[in-house]
Amino acid sequence: MTKLSQHRAAKRLGISASTLSSYVKRGIAPSHVTLLGVRYFDVDSLDAWLAARTVSESAQ
């Protein structure tokens, strides 16, 4: 399991780190762990979270 810092996770999702932080506070962020005050996100969880929120062209 590859883990990314919040900054790198946000970059992978195409959003800012502050937006991802807001998602965490609102309880809608991908699953994560916090170690010594630093949030880490699992790459597979990020990809699954993003895929679940992506609208395909055929669904529009």
Protein backbone atom coordinates (compact mmCIF):
# COMPACT_ATOMS: atom_id res chain seq x y z
CA MET A 1 0.00 0.00 0.00
CA THR A 2 1.54 3.25 -1.15
CA LYS A 3 0.74 6.28 0.99
CA LEU A 4 0.82 9.90 -0.13
CA SER A 5 0.99 13.04 1.97
CA GLN A 6 -2.01 15.33 1.87
CA HIS A 7 -0.23 17.67 -0.56
CA ARG A 8 0.62 14.86 -2.99
CA ALA A 9 -2.81 13.28 -2.59
CA ALA A 10 -4.47 16.58 -3.47
CA LYS A 11 -2.25 16.94 -6.51
CA ARG A 12 -3.21 13.41 -7.64
CA LEU A 13 -6.90 14.32 -7.28
CA GLY A 14 -6.47 17.61 -9.12
CA ILE A 15 -7.53 19.75 -6.16
CA SER A 16 -5.70 21.99 -3.72
CA ALA A 17 -4.40 20.73 -0.39
CA SER A 18 -6.76 23.17 1.37
CA THR A 19 -9.74 21.71 -0.50
CA LEU A 20 -8.71 18.22 0.55
CA SER A 21 -8.35 19.46 4.13
CA SER A 22 -11.86 20.88 3.90
CA TYR A 23 -13.13 17.51 2.66
CA VAL A 24 -11.50 15.83 5.66
CA LYS A 25 -13.19 18.28 8.05
CA ARG A 26 -16.55 17.71 6.33
CA GLY A 27 -16.12 13.93 6.47
CA ILE A 28 -16.20 13.42 2.70
CA ALA A 29 -12.50 12.78 2.05
CA PRO A 30 -11.01 9.45 1.04
CA SER A 31 -9.92 7.25 3.93
CA HIS A 32 -6.68 8.38 5.53
CA VAL A 33 -4.47 7.95 8.55
CA THR A 34 -2.78 10.62 10.63
CA LEU A 35 0.67 9.92 12.04
CA LEU A 36 2.41 12.53 14.17
CA GLY A 37 0.06 15.20 12.84
CA VAL A 38 0.60 14.36 9.16
CA ARG A 39 -2.26 12.95 7.05
CA TYR A 40 -1.52 10.13 4.63
CA PHE A 41 -3.81 8.77 1.95
CA ASP A 42 -3.61 5.34 0.34
CA VAL A 43 -3.22 5.54 -3.45
CA ASP A 44 -5.78 2.79 -4.12
CA SER A 45 -8.32 4.52 -1.86
CA LEU A 46 -7.73 7.83 -3.62
CA ASP A 47 -8.27 6.27 -7.04
CA ALA A 48 -11.43 4.46 -5.91
CA TRP A 49 -12.79 7.63 -4.27
CA LEU A 50 -12.16 9.64 -7.42
CA ALA A 51 -13.65 6.98 -9.69
CA ALA A 52 -16.83 6.90 -7.59
CA ARG A 53 -17.22 10.67 -8.08
CA THR A 54 -16.39 10.86 -11.77
CA VAL A 55 -19.28 11.18 -14.20
CA SER A 56 -18.77 9.42 -17.49
CA GLU A 57 -19.77 11.09 -20.74
CA SER A 58 -22.39 8.43 -21.43
CA ALA A 59 -24.13 9.25 -18.12
CA GLN A 60 -24.59 12.91 -19.03
